[in-house]
Amino acid sequence: MGIESRPGEPIGERLHAAVVPNFEVLKEKKIVNIREVIRFDIEGLSAQMPSTKRILSYDIWQEDLPRTTTRKLKRFEIERSTREMHARGEQPQDAPVTRELTSEEREWLDRSEVQLSLAVIRANAKKAKGEIRPTDNLELDLGLDSMERVELLVEIEQTMGSSVPDSVSSEIYSVRELVDAVLANRGAAQRQTIGWESIFAEPVTDPEVLAVAEDRPVAAHFWYALGRIVNLLARDLFRLKAQGLEKLPTSGPFILSPNHQSFLDAPIILATLPWPVFRNLFFVGTSEMFGEGLLRKLARTVRLIPIDPDANLVPAMRAGAFGLKAGRTLVLYPEGERSIDGPPKTFKKGGAILASHLKVPIYPVAIEGFHEAWPRGKRFQKFAPLQITICDPVIPPAGVPTPEIYEQLTAELREKVVREWERMSGRKDPRSEERATHVNV
C-alpha cells in the first residue's frame, strides 16, 4: 500500500507492508525475535528489487487482515486503518483487543501466583499496558527484546522459586506461556544469584563448549598460515589497509566487535590479526550453517560453537561467558547480521552484558568496502578497496552491572565504530542524520 513520505524522504508515497506472521511456523523453528527476522527478510528482498518497488516500512499484524466473504483482502480498509493508527502514533498490535477473555482465562488470571507473576511482567513491560492479557506476545505487545525476555524470566523465577530449563525457555512467546513455564518448574534447583550472573555461573556440560578451553596447536597453525595467504591476496586484490592492530592485547580475554557488511568480513579480518590474538580466538556461530556434517567438524577446529543465538540465546551467552573465562578472545558481531547498505545498524547489547559481568574490554572494529565488494543478497561484485580499523577499547566500569550500564557500553561501542566508519567511507551515519532531521522538524 502507499503511505505518505516521512520527514526527509522524497515527496510522494512509499511502499508500506502489512505483515502477518505465521506464528506456528515461527514456533516450529524456535524463532522468538520476530521483529528482527521479519526486518532481515524484508531488507534482503528489497535489496534485490528496483528502488521504486522496495518496501520502505511495514507493520506487523497479529490477527488476520480484513477480508471479504470471498477471502479477498480489503485493501482500502487495511490502508485506512494503517493511516489512522500511524496518525495516532500506534502500531497494529497497540490497537485495543476486542476479543473477550474466556471464563477459563479469567480463572487463570485470578490465581494468586499468576497475579504475582503478572506484577513482575507489568513492571518490566516496555510498552504501556493497562491490562496484561494471557495471549500478549512478549515482543510485539510488551516491547521486550530477546535479552530483556531472558532477564524477565530470571526475575520471575526468583520471585516464584522456579528454574525453567533452557529447552523450554527458548519456546516462550506469550505471557501465559511464560507464567505457566515458571509455575510448572517451581521447586526445581534454583539459581543462587540473580539475572545474567546466575546464567553465567551455571556449570557447562556441552562438550563442544568445553572444547573451547582446549589448545589445538596444529589446527591453529594451519589456519593462521592459511590466513597469511588470504592476507597477501587481500592486500593485492582488494588493496586491504588495516590500522590499529597494535592496540590489541597479546594475552588475556577480550571481545572483538566488528560491524558486519559481507561474507568477506570474517576471513579477511581474521587474516589481519597477529598470532598472539589469532591463536586464542573463538566464536559462537549459527547452527544453520555449521550445524551438521563436515562443516560442524570443521567448526570445532577453529573453536566455533554452533549455537544459534536467535533460538538458543541463553546457551549462546553462557558459551560466550565460558570461553572468556577460559582466557579466550570472543569474536562477536554486535549487529548480528550483515548491513543491507553498508552503514552500521542497530547494535545488540549481548557484548556489553558479557563485558560488564566478566570485566573484559571490548575492542571495536570498523570496516568499510566489504559491502561494495559483496553486498547482502547479491553475488560477489568486484575487488573493492577494503579498510579495517581497530578502535580504542570500551572498558566496563567496576561494580555491579545494570541495564543502564549495558545501554551505555553498547552506545559507546557503536559510537566508536560509526566514527571510524564515517572517516573511512567519507559518509555520514544515516541514523544520526535522521535524528537531526526529526529534531529540526
Protein backbone atom coordinates (compact mmCIF):
# COMPACT_ATOMS: atom_id res chain seq x y z
CA MET A 1 0.00 0.00 0.00
CA GLY A 2 1.12 3.61 -0.40
CA ILE A 3 1.87 5.73 2.65
CA GLU A 4 2.84 9.39 2.65
CA SER A 5 6.56 10.11 2.89
CA ARG A 6 8.22 10.78 6.20
CA PRO A 7 10.29 13.88 7.03
CA GLY A 8 13.44 13.86 4.94
CA GLU A 9 12.03 11.44 2.33
CA PRO A 10 11.23 12.47 -1.26
CA ILE A 11 7.76 13.93 -1.73
CA GLY A 12 5.29 11.30 -2.79
CA GLU A 13 4.42 7.89 -1.48
CA ARG A 14 6.46 4.91 -0.32
CA LEU A 15 5.52 1.25 -0.31
CA HIS A 16 4.32 0.09 3.10
CA ALA A 17 3.59 -3.53 4.01
CA ALA A 18 1.23 -5.18 6.46
CA VAL A 19 2.94 -8.39 7.61
CA VAL A 20 1.00 -11.23 9.25
CA PRO A 21 3.49 -13.79 10.64
CA ASN A 22 2.70 -17.50 10.74
CA PHE A 23 3.29 -17.97 14.47
CA GLU A 24 3.06 -21.75 14.23
CA VAL A 25 5.98 -21.86 11.78
CA LEU A 26 7.94 -19.46 13.99
CA LYS A 27 7.40 -21.76 16.97
CA GLU A 28 8.45 -24.82 14.97
CA LYS A 29 11.72 -23.08 14.09
CA LYS A 30 12.10 -21.68 17.64
CA ILE A 31 12.24 -18.08 16.37
CA VAL A 32 11.31 -15.68 19.15
CA ASN A 33 12.85 -12.43 17.84
CA ILE A 34 10.05 -11.91 15.35
CA ARG A 35 10.73 -8.28 14.52
CA GLU A 36 14.40 -8.88 13.73
CA VAL A 37 13.68 -11.87 11.50
CA ILE A 38 10.98 -10.04 9.54
CA ARG A 39 13.16 -6.94 9.15
CA PHE A 40 16.09 -9.07 7.93
CA ASP A 41 13.93 -10.85 5.34
CA ILE A 42 12.27 -7.67 4.07
CA GLU A 43 15.62 -5.89 3.76
CA GLY A 44 17.07 -8.87 1.93
CA LEU A 45 14.17 -8.99 -0.53
CA SER A 46 14.18 -5.22 -1.04
CA ALA A 47 17.88 -5.27 -1.93
CA GLN A 48 17.03 -7.42 -4.97
CA MET A 49 14.25 -5.12 -6.23
CA PRO A 50 14.25 -1.85 -8.16
CA SER A 51 14.24 1.17 -5.83
CA THR A 52 10.66 2.04 -6.85
CA LYS A 53 9.39 -1.35 -5.67
CA ARG A 54 11.21 -1.61 -2.36
CA ILE A 55 9.25 -1.91 0.88
CA LEU A 56 10.47 1.03 2.94
CA SER A 57 8.29 0.49 6.02
CA TYR A 58 5.93 -2.10 7.44
CA ASP A 59 3.70 -3.05 10.35
CA ILE A 60 3.34 -6.45 11.98
CA TRP A 61 -0.27 -7.61 12.40
CA GLN A 62 -1.00 -10.42 14.85
CA GLU A 63 -4.52 -11.06 13.58
CA ASP A 64 -5.74 -11.81 10.07
CA LEU A 65 -6.15 -8.87 7.73
CA PRO A 66 -9.72 -7.81 6.89
CA ARG A 67 -11.14 -9.90 4.04
CA THR A 68 -14.32 -10.10 2.01
CA THR A 69 -16.63 -13.11 2.07
CA THR A 70 -14.66 -14.45 -0.92
CA ARG A 71 -11.38 -14.13 1.07
CA LYS A 72 -10.04 -11.19 -0.91
CA LEU A 73 -8.12 -8.58 1.07
CA LYS A 74 -9.98 -5.37 1.87
CA ARG A 75 -7.08 -3.23 0.71
CA PHE A 76 -8.74 0.14 1.24
CA GLU A 77 -9.81 -0.82 4.77
CA ILE A 78 -6.28 -2.02 5.59
CA GLU A 79 -4.80 1.21 4.26
CA ARG A 80 -7.33 3.35 6.13
CA SER A 81 -6.71 1.52 9.40
CA THR A 82 -2.95 1.82 8.94
CA ARG A 83 -3.10 5.55 8.24
CA GLU A 84 -5.33 6.14 11.26
CA MET A 85 -3.08 4.15 13.60
CA HIS A 86 0.04 5.92 12.34
CA ALA A 87 -1.65 9.28 12.83
CA ARG A 88 -2.22 8.30 16.47
CA GLY A 89 1.37 7.06 16.78
CA GLU A 90 0.23 3.44 17.19
CA GLN A 91 1.11 0.09 15.68
CA PRO A 92 -1.44 -2.64 14.81
CA GLN A 93 -0.61 -4.57 17.99
CA ASP A 94 -1.32 -1.42 20.03
CA ALA A 95 -4.96 -1.41 18.99
CA PRO A 96 -7.44 -2.43 21.69
CA VAL A 97 -8.14 -6.17 21.75
CA THR A 98 -11.82 -6.73 21.14
CA ARG A 99 -11.94 -10.46 21.92
CA GLU A 100 -13.48 -11.13 25.31
CA LEU A 101 -11.50 -13.25 27.73
CA THR A 102 -12.84 -16.76 28.15
CA SER A 103 -14.03 -17.93 31.55
CA GLU A 104 -11.01 -20.23 31.72
CA GLU A 105 -8.65 -17.31 31.04
CA ARG A 106 -10.33 -15.24 33.75
CA GLU A 107 -9.96 -18.09 36.24
CA TRP A 108 -6.28 -18.34 35.28
CA LEU A 109 -5.78 -14.60 35.77
CA ASP A 110 -7.46 -14.73 39.21
CA ARG A 111 -4.92 -17.18 40.61
CA SER A 112 -2.71 -15.51 43.24
CA GLU A 113 0.55 -16.93 41.85
CA VAL A 114 -0.39 -15.69 38.37
CA GLN A 115 -1.12 -12.21 39.72
CA LEU A 116 2.28 -12.17 41.44
CA SER A 117 3.97 -13.09 38.17
CA LEU A 118 1.97 -10.51 36.22
CA ALA A 119 3.13 -7.79 38.61
CA VAL A 120 6.73 -8.56 37.62
CA ILE A 121 5.81 -8.61 33.93
CA ARG A 122 3.95 -5.31 34.20
CA ALA A 123 6.96 -3.68 35.86
CA ASN A 124 9.26 -4.84 33.05
CA ALA A 125 6.99 -4.18 30.03
CA LYS A 126 8.42 -1.56 27.66
CA LYS A 127 5.02 -0.65 26.26
CA ALA A 128 2.33 0.81 28.48
CA LYS A 129 -0.32 -1.83 29.03
CA GLY A 130 -3.42 -1.14 31.07
CA GLU A 131 -4.31 -4.82 31.12
CA ILE A 132 -1.87 -7.70 30.67
CA ARG A 133 -3.64 -10.45 28.75
CA PRO A 134 -2.64 -14.15 28.65
CA THR A 135 -2.18 -14.04 24.87
CA ASP A 136 0.02 -10.91 24.83
CA ASN A 137 3.19 -11.50 22.82
CA LEU A 138 6.28 -10.67 24.89
CA GLU A 139 7.97 -8.94 21.95
CA LEU A 140 5.16 -7.43 19.89
CA ASP A 141 2.77 -6.46 22.71
CA LEU A 142 5.13 -5.78 25.60
CA GLY A 143 8.11 -4.50 23.60
CA LEU A 144 10.71 -6.87 25.11
CA ASP A 145 13.73 -7.83 23.03
CA SER A 146 15.42 -11.24 23.32
CA MET A 147 17.80 -10.10 26.07
CA GLU A 148 15.01 -8.48 28.07
CA ARG A 149 12.88 -11.63 27.83
CA VAL A 150 15.67 -13.62 29.46
CA GLU A 151 16.07 -11.01 32.21
CA LEU A 152 12.31 -11.05 32.82
CA LEU A 153 12.24 -14.84 33.00
CA VAL A 154 15.05 -14.94 35.57
CA GLU A 155 13.35 -12.27 37.71
CA ILE A 156 10.06 -14.20 37.75
CA GLU A 157 11.98 -17.39 38.57
CA GLN A 158 13.49 -15.66 41.59
CA THR A 159 10.08 -14.34 42.65
CA MET A 160 8.30 -17.68 42.29
CA GLY A 161 11.08 -20.04 43.38
CA SER A 162 11.44 -21.73 40.00
CA SER A 163 14.04 -22.70 37.40
CA VAL A 164 12.89 -23.13 33.79
CA PRO A 165 15.08 -25.39 31.56
CA ASP A 166 16.78 -23.73 28.59
CA SER A 167 14.91 -26.02 26.19
CA VAL A 168 11.60 -24.67 27.49
CA SER A 169 12.60 -21.00 27.76
CA SER A 170 13.52 -20.89 24.06
CA GLU A 171 9.90 -21.68 23.13
CA ILE A 172 8.15 -18.97 25.17
CA TYR A 173 6.24 -16.36 23.18
CA SER A 174 3.25 -15.21 25.22
CA VAL A 175 2.55 -14.06 28.76
CA ARG A 176 0.69 -17.25 29.56
CA GLU A 177 3.44 -19.49 28.19
CA LEU A 178 5.95 -17.63 30.34
CA VAL A 179 3.92 -17.80 33.55
CA ASP A 180 2.88 -21.44 33.04
CA ALA A 181 6.50 -22.45 32.40
CA VAL A 182 7.63 -20.77 35.62
CA LEU A 183 4.83 -22.30 37.69
CA ALA A 184 5.40 -25.76 36.20
CA ASN A 185 9.04 -25.69 37.32
CA ARG A 186 8.58 -24.43 40.86
CA GLY A 187 10.67 -26.35 43.35
CA ALA A 188 13.41 -27.14 40.82
CA ALA A 189 17.01 -26.35 41.75
CA GLN A 190 17.02 -22.57 41.93
CA ARG A 191 19.72 -20.21 40.81
CA GLN A 192 21.61 -18.71 43.73
CA THR A 193 22.17 -15.33 42.11
CA ILE A 194 20.02 -13.01 40.04
CA GLY A 195 19.92 -12.26 36.31
CA TRP A 196 22.79 -12.86 33.92
CA GLU A 197 25.15 -13.52 36.83
CA SER A 198 23.16 -16.66 37.62
CA ILE A 199 23.19 -17.79 33.98
CA PHE A 200 26.95 -17.36 33.65
CA ALA A 201 27.54 -19.15 36.98
CA GLU A 202 25.80 -22.36 35.89
CA PRO A 203 28.13 -25.27 35.03
CA VAL A 204 28.79 -26.00 31.35
CA THR A 205 28.36 -29.61 30.23
CA ASP A 206 28.18 -29.30 26.43
CA PRO A 207 31.34 -31.00 25.01
CA GLU A 208 31.51 -28.52 22.11
CA VAL A 209 31.58 -25.61 24.53
CA LEU A 210 34.09 -27.29 26.84
CA ALA A 211 36.37 -27.85 23.84
CA VAL A 212 36.91 -24.09 23.59
CA ALA A 213 39.26 -24.28 26.57
CA GLU A 214 41.47 -26.84 24.81
CA ASP A 215 44.64 -25.84 22.96
CA ARG A 216 44.77 -27.01 19.34
CA PRO A 217 48.25 -26.00 18.17
CA VAL A 218 48.21 -27.95 14.88
CA ALA A 219 44.83 -26.59 13.78
CA ALA A 220 45.71 -23.07 14.96
CA HIS A 221 48.98 -23.02 12.98
CA PHE A 222 47.25 -24.40 9.88
CA TRP A 223 44.51 -21.77 9.90
CA TYR A 224 46.98 -19.00 10.71
CA ALA A 225 49.19 -19.99 7.75
CA LEU A 226 46.13 -20.04 5.51
CA GLY A 227 45.21 -16.62 6.89
CA ARG A 228 48.62 -15.25 5.90
CA ILE A 229 47.92 -16.30 2.32
CA VAL A 230 44.46 -14.70 2.45
CA ASN A 231 46.03 -11.53 3.84
CA LEU A 232 48.53 -11.31 0.96
CA LEU A 233 45.79 -11.86 -1.61
CA ALA A 234 43.54 -9.26 0.05
CA ARG A 235 46.33 -6.67 0.05
CA ASP A 236 46.90 -7.31 -3.65
CA LEU A 237 43.36 -7.79 -4.98
CA PHE A 238 41.39 -5.59 -2.53
CA ARG A 239 44.16 -3.12 -1.62
CA LEU A 240 43.45 -4.00 2.00
CA LYS A 241 44.54 -1.49 4.66
CA ALA A 242 44.49 -2.40 8.37
CA GLN A 243 45.14 0.07 11.18
CA GLY A 244 45.30 -0.10 14.97
CA LEU A 245 46.42 -3.73 15.30
CA GLU A 246 49.00 -2.64 17.85
CA LYS A 247 46.15 -1.72 20.22
CA LEU A 248 45.14 -5.35 20.71
CA PRO A 249 46.50 -7.04 23.85
CA THR A 250 48.70 -10.09 23.38
CA SER A 251 47.08 -12.03 26.21
CA GLY A 252 44.03 -12.12 28.42
CA PRO A 253 40.36 -12.41 27.44
CA PHE A 254 38.60 -9.66 25.49
CA ILE A 255 35.82 -9.22 22.92
CA LEU A 256 36.48 -8.24 19.30
CA SER A 257 33.39 -6.49 17.81
CA PRO A 258 33.33 -5.57 14.10
CA ASN A 259 30.43 -4.11 12.19
CA HIS A 260 29.07 -6.58 9.63
CA GLN A 261 28.92 -5.89 5.89
CA SER A 262 29.63 -9.06 3.95
CA PHE A 263 30.53 -12.75 3.88
CA LEU A 264 34.10 -11.50 3.33
CA ASP A 265 34.29 -9.88 6.78
CA ALA A 266 35.30 -12.82 8.92
CA PRO A 267 38.06 -14.43 6.79
CA ILE A 268 39.75 -11.13 5.94
CA ILE A 269 39.51 -9.61 9.44
CA LEU A 270 40.92 -12.82 10.96
CA ALA A 271 43.68 -12.89 8.34
CA THR A 272 44.94 -9.50 9.55
CA LEU A 273 45.27 -10.45 13.23
CA PRO A 274 48.67 -11.17 14.80
CA TRP A 275 49.46 -14.67 16.01
CA PRO A 276 49.08 -13.99 19.79
CA VAL A 277 45.49 -12.84 19.15
CA PHE A 278 44.62 -15.34 16.42
CA ARG A 279 45.61 -18.39 18.46
CA ASN A 280 43.10 -17.57 21.20
CA LEU A 281 40.01 -16.73 19.12
CA PHE A 282 36.64 -18.43 19.49
CA PHE A 283 33.19 -17.85 18.00
CA VAL A 284 29.55 -18.58 18.76
CA GLY A 285 28.04 -19.12 15.31
CA THR A 286 24.76 -20.04 13.71
CA SER A 287 23.90 -23.73 13.76
CA GLU A 288 22.11 -23.28 10.41
CA MET A 289 25.48 -23.15 8.60
CA PHE A 290 27.69 -25.20 10.93
CA GLY A 291 25.09 -27.48 12.49
CA GLU A 292 25.96 -30.83 10.94
CA GLY A 293 28.31 -32.93 8.87
CA LEU A 294 31.75 -31.84 7.74
CA LEU A 295 31.15 -28.16 8.50
CA ARG A 296 30.40 -28.98 12.14
CA LYS A 297 33.69 -30.88 12.42
CA LEU A 298 35.48 -28.03 10.66
CA ALA A 299 33.92 -25.52 13.07
CA ARG A 300 35.47 -27.31 16.03
CA THR A 301 38.99 -26.84 14.61
CA VAL A 302 38.50 -23.04 14.68
CA ARG A 303 36.72 -23.06 18.08
CA LEU A 304 33.35 -22.15 16.57
CA ILE A 305 30.48 -23.24 18.83
CA PRO A 306 27.43 -23.98 16.61
CA ILE A 307 24.64 -22.46 18.67
CA ASP A 308 22.01 -20.25 17.05
CA PRO A 309 21.65 -17.20 19.35
CA ASP A 310 18.21 -16.42 17.89
CA ALA A 311 16.71 -19.73 19.02
CA ASN A 312 19.02 -20.50 21.96
CA LEU A 313 20.07 -17.19 23.45
CA VAL A 314 20.82 -18.42 26.98
CA PRO A 315 23.11 -21.32 25.88
CA ALA A 316 24.82 -18.97 23.40
CA MET A 317 25.50 -16.33 26.06
CA ARG A 318 26.65 -18.99 28.53
CA ALA A 319 29.04 -20.39 25.89
CA GLY A 320 30.45 -16.91 25.30
CA ALA A 321 30.99 -16.43 29.02
CA PHE A 322 32.69 -19.82 29.34
CA GLY A 323 35.17 -19.04 26.56
CA LEU A 324 36.05 -15.67 28.06
CA LYS A 325 36.54 -17.24 31.49
CA ALA A 326 38.95 -19.69 29.81
CA GLY A 327 41.06 -16.73 28.67
CA ARG A 328 39.93 -16.78 25.02
CA THR A 329 39.00 -13.88 22.73
CA LEU A 330 35.39 -13.80 21.52
CA VAL A 331 34.68 -12.52 18.02
CA LEU A 332 31.15 -11.11 18.20
CA TYR A 333 29.22 -9.11 15.61
CA PRO A 334 27.15 -6.60 17.63
CA GLU A 335 24.65 -6.16 14.78
CA GLY A 336 24.07 -9.90 14.48
CA GLU A 337 23.52 -9.60 10.73
CA ARG A 338 25.01 -8.09 7.59
CA SER A 339 24.17 -4.47 6.78
CA ILE A 340 21.71 -4.01 3.94
CA ASP A 341 23.50 -0.96 2.51
CA GLY A 342 26.86 -0.61 4.26
CA PRO A 343 26.37 1.73 7.26
CA PRO A 344 26.37 0.18 10.76
CA LYS A 345 22.89 -0.73 12.01
CA THR A 346 21.43 -1.35 15.47
CA PHE A 347 23.91 -2.83 17.94
CA LYS A 348 22.62 -5.51 20.29
CA LYS A 349 23.73 -5.49 23.92
CA GLY A 350 24.99 -9.07 24.19
CA GLY A 351 28.63 -7.97 24.08
CA ALA A 352 28.01 -5.30 26.70
CA ILE A 353 26.37 -7.85 29.03
CA LEU A 354 29.30 -10.24 28.71
CA ALA A 355 31.88 -7.48 29.13
CA SER A 356 30.25 -5.91 32.18
CA HIS A 357 29.78 -9.21 34.05
CA LEU A 358 33.17 -10.73 33.20
CA LYS A 359 35.02 -7.39 33.35
CA VAL A 360 36.69 -7.77 29.96
CA PRO A 361 37.27 -4.96 27.42
CA ILE A 362 35.54 -4.72 24.06
CA TYR A 363 37.71 -3.73 21.10
CA PRO A 364 35.52 -2.11 18.41
CA VAL A 365 36.47 -2.89 14.80
CA ALA A 366 35.29 -0.61 12.00
CA ILE A 367 35.29 -1.99 8.45
CA GLU A 368 34.48 -0.41 5.09
CA GLY A 369 34.38 -1.53 1.46
CA PHE A 370 33.18 -5.07 2.15
CA HIS A 371 29.59 -4.21 1.20
CA GLU A 372 30.71 -2.80 -2.15
CA ALA A 373 32.68 -5.97 -2.83
CA TRP A 374 29.91 -8.42 -1.87
CA PRO A 375 26.55 -6.86 -0.89
CA ARG A 376 24.00 -8.76 1.09
CA GLY A 377 21.53 -10.62 -1.13
CA LYS A 378 23.78 -10.39 -4.22
CA ARG A 379 26.68 -12.23 -5.79
CA PHE A 380 30.28 -11.11 -5.48
CA GLN A 381 30.53 -7.76 -7.28
CA LYS A 382 34.12 -6.51 -7.51
CA PHE A 383 37.53 -6.19 -5.87
CA ALA A 384 36.69 -3.02 -3.97
CA PRO A 385 39.25 -1.38 -1.62
CA LEU A 386 38.87 -2.75 1.92
CA GLN A 387 39.68 -0.97 5.17
CA ILE A 388 39.87 -2.26 8.77
CA THR A 389 40.49 -0.11 11.84
CA ILE A 390 40.87 -1.32 15.42
CA CYS A 391 39.47 1.35 17.77
CA ASP A 392 40.33 2.17 21.38
CA PRO A 393 38.70 -0.30 23.77
CA VAL A 394 35.39 0.07 25.58
CA ILE A 395 36.13 -0.61 29.25
CA PRO A 396 33.29 -1.84 31.51
CA PRO A 397 33.01 0.04 34.82
CA ALA A 398 33.66 -1.59 38.17
CA GLY A 399 30.74 -2.57 40.33
CA VAL A 400 27.51 -4.45 39.79
CA PRO A 401 26.30 -4.44 36.15
CA THR A 402 22.91 -2.82 35.49
CA PRO A 403 20.67 -2.42 32.41
CA GLU A 404 21.82 1.20 32.24
CA ILE A 405 25.44 0.04 32.00
CA TYR A 406 24.52 -2.38 29.21
CA GLU A 407 22.95 0.50 27.27
CA GLN A 408 25.91 2.80 27.98
CA LEU A 409 28.53 0.30 26.80
CA THR A 410 26.51 -0.60 23.69
CA ALA A 411 26.12 3.08 22.78
CA GLU A 412 29.85 3.71 23.31
CA LEU A 413 30.74 0.67 21.18
CA ARG A 414 28.54 1.82 18.31
CA GLU A 415 29.73 5.42 18.56
CA LYS A 416 33.38 4.36 18.17
CA VAL A 417 32.63 2.06 15.24
CA VAL A 418 30.49 4.67 13.50
CA ARG A 419 33.07 7.43 13.98
CA GLU A 420 35.76 5.35 12.26
CA TRP A 421 33.36 4.10 9.59
CA GLU A 422 32.44 7.71 8.75
CA ARG A 423 36.12 8.63 8.50
CA MET A 424 36.95 5.70 6.22
CA SER A 425 33.86 5.95 3.99
CA GLY A 426 33.51 9.72 3.83
CA ARG A 427 29.81 9.26 4.56
CA LYS A 428 27.58 10.20 7.48
CA ASP A 429 25.70 7.76 9.67
CA PRO A 430 22.13 7.81 8.25
CA ARG A 431 20.71 7.33 11.76
CA SER A 432 22.42 10.45 13.05
CA GLU A 433 21.12 12.45 10.10
CA GLU A 434 17.61 11.06 10.61
CA ARG A 435 17.65 12.07 14.29
CA ALA A 436 18.90 15.53 13.36
CA THR A 437 16.13 15.91 10.77
CA HIS A 438 13.46 14.94 13.30
CA VAL A 439 14.86 17.41 15.83
CA ASN A 440 14.87 20.22 13.26
CA VAL A 441 11.34 19.38 12.16
